[in-house]
Amino acid sequence: MNVSVVVPVYNGANTLDLLVERLQAVLPMVAERYELVLVNDDSPDKSWDVIQRLSRTYPWVRGIALMRNAGQHNATLCGIREARYEVIVTMDDDLQNPPEEMARLLAKMDEGFDVVYGVPRKREQAWWKGLLAALVKRSISSIMGMRTVRDIGAFRAFRASLRKAFAHYDGPDVLVDVLLSWGTNRFASVQVDEAPREAGRSNYSFWKLIKVSLLVLTSYTTIPLRLASIIGFLFTIFGFFVLVYVLAIYFTDWSIPGFPFLASTISIFSGVQLFALGIIGEYLARVFERTGGRRSYTVSQTTDDE
């Protein structure tokens, strides 16, 4: 088996040396030939300098620098497309995904699966962040149509042949997991240990997780549009019964409730309309971004050019 390890790098200058050192001990045990592709996502620290030094020291280490910050999934997609071998393993640069656990993923692939996720046995994070992250991952899993895997993450192994399914994808909004589902439905997961972060802190804030949620719901599925249609239909029926109620009161000379009733009805229907318009607006924003010519990423330089 030949393996390419792809790692998107952002503020990873303090962990890359240890990452390469541990991979050097692991990779010869699980692969005949191997490489490490480090994709610098326009990191503001000295990550690119470290990547250049490592590529000169280790022949199996390659570096790619992006012209601007494209995001974790976009940078990962770049590395996936540049990988040379038939099995690709992706992982984070902060060593929360122990390289020693890679053998578990590859062994599971030998059972006939195309994509295998390494799911942490236990996560050390704030409760709100864990809850929101779980909701995002469940949403992605549902969109992917995955019944065997309900938890996904950056630590994954898959066959490079799956790249054919998204070879021509070049939009700015990238979710690697959904792209992989375009090529297969043979997913699996194994439990792995997750180590504490060696340096720095997570780049996924509350608002960034919200942004990812909107990206999931409006870039790869039409469920929100259908939800808006269903809500609109239900409130149309509700409005009909309100009309019947008002007419019944009018023709029976009962007292008609005044401003509170009218204000409540207008508020409800206005809220539903704005909600539906907001969903449509999100879809229009995705269409605008994809037709504007913005690419998933732009490569600035590589260590192969040196």
Foldseek 3Di string as FASTA:
>chain_A
DEEEEEEEDAPLLPQQVVVVVQCVVAVVVQHPHYAYEYEYQVHPDCVVVSQLVVCVVDVRYKYFYFPHRQDRQLSRVVSLVVDDDFKYWYDYSQCQPPPNCVNVQVVVVVVPFFKEAAAEPDDDDDPVVVVLQLVLQQLLCVLLVAPADSGHDRGMMGTSVLCVQCVPDWFSQDDPSSSSSSRDRRYHYDYDHGDPGPDDDDPCDPVNSVVSSLSSCQPRDCVLLVVLVVVVVVVVVVVVVVVVVVVVCVVVVHDDDPDVVVVVNVVVVVVSVVSNVVSVVSNVVRVCRRVVPHTNTHTDDMSVVD
